[in-house]
C-alpha atoms as a PDB file:
ATOM      1  CA  MET A   1     165.487  87.779 108.959  1.00  0.00           C
ATOM      2  CA  LYS A   2     162.830  85.945 106.929  1.00  0.00           C
ATOM      3  CA  LYS A   3     162.585  83.199 109.510  1.00  0.00           C
ATOM      4  CA  LEU A   4     162.019  85.608 112.337  1.00  0.00           C
ATOM      5  CA  VAL A   5     159.332  87.437 110.307  1.00  0.00           C
ATOM      6  CA  ASN A   6     157.546  84.135 109.627  1.00  0.00           C
ATOM      7  CA  ILE A   7     157.676  83.214 113.322  1.00  0.00           C
ATOM      8  CA  MET A   8     156.317  86.576 114.322  1.00  0.00           C
ATOM      9  CA  LYS A   9     153.499  86.205 111.820  1.00  0.00           C
ATOM     10  CA  LEU A  10     152.785  82.773 113.197  1.00  0.00           C
ATOM     11  CA  LEU A  11     152.663  84.011 116.786  1.00  0.00           C
ATOM     12  CA  SER A  12     150.622  87.092 116.010  1.00  0.00           C
ATOM     13  CA  ASP A  13     147.426  85.071 116.020  1.00  0.00           C
ATOM     14  CA  LYS A  14     145.429  84.959 119.264  1.00  0.00           C
ATOM     15  CA  THR A  15     144.217  81.420 118.842  1.00  0.00           C
ATOM     16  CA  ARG A  16     147.767  80.119 118.159  1.00  0.00           C
ATOM     17  CA  LEU A  17     149.061  81.960 121.190  1.00  0.00           C
ATOM     18  CA  ARG A  18     146.409  80.527 123.453  1.00  0.00           C
ATOM     19  CA  ILE A  19     147.124  77.011 122.190  1.00  0.00           C
ATOM     20  CA  LEU A  20     150.856  77.386 122.627  1.00  0.00           C
ATOM     21  CA  MET A  21     150.427  78.699 126.156  1.00  0.00           C
ATOM     22  CA  LEU A  22     148.154  75.819 127.071  1.00  0.00           C
ATOM     23  CA  LEU A  23     150.703  73.366 125.664  1.00  0.00           C
ATOM     24  CA  THR A  24     153.428  74.874 127.837  1.00  0.00           C
ATOM     25  CA  ARG A  25     151.462  73.492 130.770  1.00  0.00           C
ATOM     26  CA  ARG A  26     150.864  69.956 129.568  1.00  0.00           C
ATOM     27  CA  GLU A  27     150.262  67.650 126.632  1.00  0.00           C
ATOM     28  CA  LEU A  28     146.771  67.983 125.130  1.00  0.00           C
ATOM     29  CA  CYS A  29     144.608  66.326 122.482  1.00  0.00           C
ATOM     30  CA  VAL A  30     142.467  68.202 119.995  1.00  0.00           C
ATOM     31  CA  CYS A  31     139.195  67.698 121.871  1.00  0.00           C
ATOM     32  CA  GLN A  32     140.769  69.032 125.123  1.00  0.00           C
ATOM     33  CA  ILE A  33     141.967  72.199 123.279  1.00  0.00           C
ATOM     34  CA  MET A  34     138.495  72.518 121.709  1.00  0.00           C
ATOM     35  CA  GLY A  35     136.848  72.277 125.116  1.00  0.00           C
ATOM     36  CA  VAL A  36     139.114  74.810 126.775  1.00  0.00           C
ATOM     37  CA  LEU A  37     139.062  77.402 124.040  1.00  0.00           C
ATOM     38  CA  GLY A  38     135.510  76.768 122.828  1.00  0.00           C
ATOM     39  CA  ILE A  39     136.477  76.602 119.175  1.00  0.00           C
ATOM     40  CA  SER A  40     135.823  74.158 116.371  1.00  0.00           C
ATOM     41  CA  GLN A  41     137.949  71.041 115.575  1.00  0.00           C
ATOM     42  CA  PRO A  42     138.946  72.342 112.073  1.00  0.00           C
ATOM     43  CA  LEU A  43     140.199  75.684 113.654  1.00  0.00           C
ATOM     44  CA  VAL A  44     142.173  73.731 116.359  1.00  0.00           C
ATOM     45  CA  SER A  45     143.633  71.320 113.847  1.00  0.00           C
ATOM     46  CA  ARG A  46     144.608  74.056 111.349  1.00  0.00           C
ATOM     47  CA  ASN A  47     146.418  76.053 114.021  1.00  0.00           C
ATOM     48  CA  LEU A  48     148.091  72.954 115.494  1.00  0.00           C
ATOM     49  CA  LYS A  49     149.405  72.100 112.048  1.00  0.00           C
ATOM     50  CA  LEU A  50     150.861  75.640 111.567  1.00  0.00           C
ATOM     51  CA  LEU A  51     152.528  75.436 114.983  1.00  0.00           C
ATOM     52  CA  SER A  52     153.817  71.957 114.278  1.00  0.00           C
ATOM     53  CA  ASP A  53     155.096  72.869 110.824  1.00  0.00           C
ATOM     54  CA  ALA A  54     157.071  75.775 112.385  1.00  0.00           C
ATOM     55  CA  GLY A  55     158.731  73.251 114.775  1.00  0.00           C
ATOM     56  CA  PHE A  56     156.997  74.361 117.999  1.00  0.00           C
ATOM     57  CA  LEU A  57     155.148  71.101 118.602  1.00  0.00           C
ATOM     58  CA  ASP A  58     155.579  67.384 118.946  1.00  0.00           C
ATOM     59  CA  GLU A  59     152.736  64.948 118.437  1.00  0.00           C
ATOM     60  CA  ARG A  60     152.047  61.509 119.876  1.00  0.00           C
ATOM     61  CA  LYS A  61     149.328  59.097 118.771  1.00  0.00           C
ATOM     62  CA  GLU A  62     147.355  57.041 121.224  1.00  0.00           C
ATOM     63  CA  GLY A  63     144.754  55.022 119.381  1.00  0.00           C
ATOM     64  CA  LYS A  64     142.599  57.479 117.381  1.00  0.00           C
ATOM     65  CA  LEU A  65     143.806  60.456 119.516  1.00  0.00           C
ATOM     66  CA  VAL A  66     146.734  62.720 118.705  1.00  0.00           C
ATOM     67  CA  PHE A  67     148.316  64.460 121.647  1.00  0.00           C
ATOM     68  CA  TYR A  68     150.326  67.626 121.195  1.00  0.00           C
ATOM     69  CA  SER A  69     153.133  69.052 123.390  1.00  0.00           C
ATOM     70  CA  ILE A  70     155.863  71.677 123.136  1.00  0.00           C
ATOM     71  CA  ASN A  71     158.806  70.276 121.124  1.00  0.00           C
ATOM     72  CA  LYS A  72     161.493  69.369 123.586  1.00  0.00           C
ATOM     73  CA  SER A  73     164.205  70.188 121.122  1.00  0.00           C
ATOM     74  CA  LEU A  74     163.115  73.665 119.900  1.00  0.00           C
ATOM     75  CA  ASN A  75     165.745  75.543 117.970  1.00  0.00           C
ATOM     76  CA  ASP A  76     167.267  78.447 119.786  1.00  0.00           C
ATOM     77  CA  LEU A  77     165.029  81.083 118.173  1.00  0.00           C
ATOM     78  CA  ASN A  78     161.769  79.142 118.975  1.00  0.00           C
ATOM     79  CA  THR A  79     163.013  78.504 122.525  1.00  0.00           C
ATOM     80  CA  ARG A  80     163.614  82.241 123.139  1.00  0.00           C
ATOM     81  CA  MET A  81     160.283  83.147 121.546  1.00  0.00           C
ATOM     82  CA  SER A  82     158.471  80.589 123.707  1.00  0.00           C
ATOM     83  CA  GLU A  83     160.175  81.835 126.846  1.00  0.00           C
ATOM     84  CA  LEU A  84     159.422  85.467 125.994  1.00  0.00           C
ATOM     85  CA  LEU A  85     155.706  84.634 125.412  1.00  0.00           C
ATOM     86  CA  THR A  86     155.419  82.716 128.602  1.00  0.00           C
ATOM     87  CA  GLU A  87     156.927  85.527 130.639  1.00  0.00           C
ATOM     88  CA  THR A  88     155.005  88.305 128.844  1.00  0.00           C
ATOM     89  CA  LEU A  89     151.596  86.556 129.108  1.00  0.00           C
ATOM     90  CA  LYS A  90     152.116  85.386 132.735  1.00  0.00           C
ATOM     91  CA  GLY A  91     149.369  87.653 134.195  1.00  0.00           C
ATOM     92  CA  ASP A  92     147.065  87.735 131.141  1.00  0.00           C
ATOM     93  CA  SER A  93     143.333  87.415 132.078  1.00  0.00           C
ATOM     94  CA  ILE A  94     142.571  85.424 128.881  1.00  0.00           C
ATOM     95  CA  LEU A  95     145.322  82.881 129.639  1.00  0.00           C
ATOM     96  CA  ALA A  96     144.123  82.728 133.274  1.00  0.00           C
ATOM     97  CA  ASP A  97     140.566  81.880 132.007  1.00  0.00           C
ATOM     98  CA  ASP A  98     141.979  79.263 129.654  1.00  0.00           C
ATOM     99  CA  LEU A  99     143.942  77.633 132.469  1.00  0.00           C
ATOM    100  CA  SER A 100     140.806  77.633 134.698  1.00  0.00           C
ATOM    101  CA  SER A 101     138.831  76.083 131.922  1.00  0.00           C
ATOM    102  CA  LEU A 102     141.640  73.519 131.384  1.00  0.00           C
ATOM    103  CA  ARG A 103     141.417  72.457 135.059  1.00  0.00           C
ATOM    104  CA  GLU A 104     137.553  72.116 134.729  1.00  0.00           C
ATOM    105  CA  CYS A 105     137.872  70.126 131.499  1.00  0.00           C
ATOM    106  CA  GLU A 106     140.418  67.783 133.012  1.00  0.00           C
ATOM    107  CA  GLU A 107     138.165  67.236 136.101  1.00  0.00           C
ATOM    108  CA  PHE A 108     135.210  66.451 133.832  1.00  0.00           C
ATOM    109  CA  GLN A 109     137.235  63.996 131.784  1.00  0.00           C
ATOM    110  CA  LYS A 110     138.529  62.335 134.905  1.00  0.00           C
ATOM    111  CA  LYS A 111     134.940  61.739 136.072  1.00  0.00           C
ATOM    112  CA  THR A 112     133.858  60.409 132.661  1.00  0.00           C
ATOM    113  CA  GLY A 113     137.122  58.588 131.865  1.00  0.00           C
ATOM    114  CA  LYS A 114     136.754  59.750 128.270  1.00  0.00           C
ATOM    115  CA  CYS A 115     138.339  62.118 125.805  1.00  0.00           C
ATOM    116  CA  ASP A 116     136.095  62.255 122.787  1.00  0.00           C
ATOM    117  CA  MET A 117     133.644  64.479 120.986  1.00  0.00           C
ATOM    118  CA  LYS A 118     130.632  63.311 123.050  1.00  0.00           C
ATOM    119  CA  THR A 119     132.572  64.200 126.258  1.00  0.00           C
ATOM    120  CA  PHE A 120     133.592  67.481 124.805  1.00  0.00           C
ATOM    121  CA  SER A 121     129.925  68.340 123.959  1.00  0.00           C
ATOM    122  CA  GLU A 122     128.823  67.422 127.444  1.00  0.00           C
ATOM    123  CA  TYR A 123     131.594  69.588 128.942  1.00  0.00           C
ATOM    124  CA  MET A 124     130.769  72.506 126.782  1.00  0.00           C
ATOM    125  CA  SER A 125     127.105  72.355 127.646  1.00  0.00           C
ATOM    126  CA  ARG A 126     127.923  72.400 131.361  1.00  0.00           C
ATOM    127  CA  HIS A 127     130.566  75.078 130.931  1.00  0.00           C
ATOM    128  CA  ARG A 128     128.118  77.365 129.041  1.00  0.00           C
ATOM    129  CA  ALA A 129     125.379  76.794 131.607  1.00  0.00           C
ATOM    130  CA  LYS A 130     127.844  77.628 134.400  1.00  0.00           C
ATOM    131  CA  SER A 131     129.196  80.746 132.585  1.00  0.00           C
ATOM    132  CA  SER A 132     125.620  82.139 131.851  1.00  0.00           C
ATOM    133  CA  LYS A 133     124.770  81.961 135.576  1.00  0.00           C
ATOM    134  CA  VAL A 134     127.707  84.172 136.460  1.00  0.00           C
END
């Protein structure tokens, strides 16, 4: 029972849920998650560590970047929780906005060919300007 309680506590955080749902779509690095969610690097890294420590994530290094993805060999409980969350949040407006931002961030990075803090700052400036016009 303690393991289930700990997983439920872990998944009760909005930021961790948003990160987890993004990672069900594709592998992402910290700066991509920062760009999509509009949150700081320490906050992203702290939440990625918690999800990773709980067995939800795999990580892969490429140069200085670390890419995160859903652990392909989740234990049964984590697999069921992940499936339940994906199904439950399918029509969620916040998740839909995050996925839209992810597509915009990916397009911006394809144009610049970079995934770094400078690119992230440029993306966020453009994203904020676009959002304020709406």
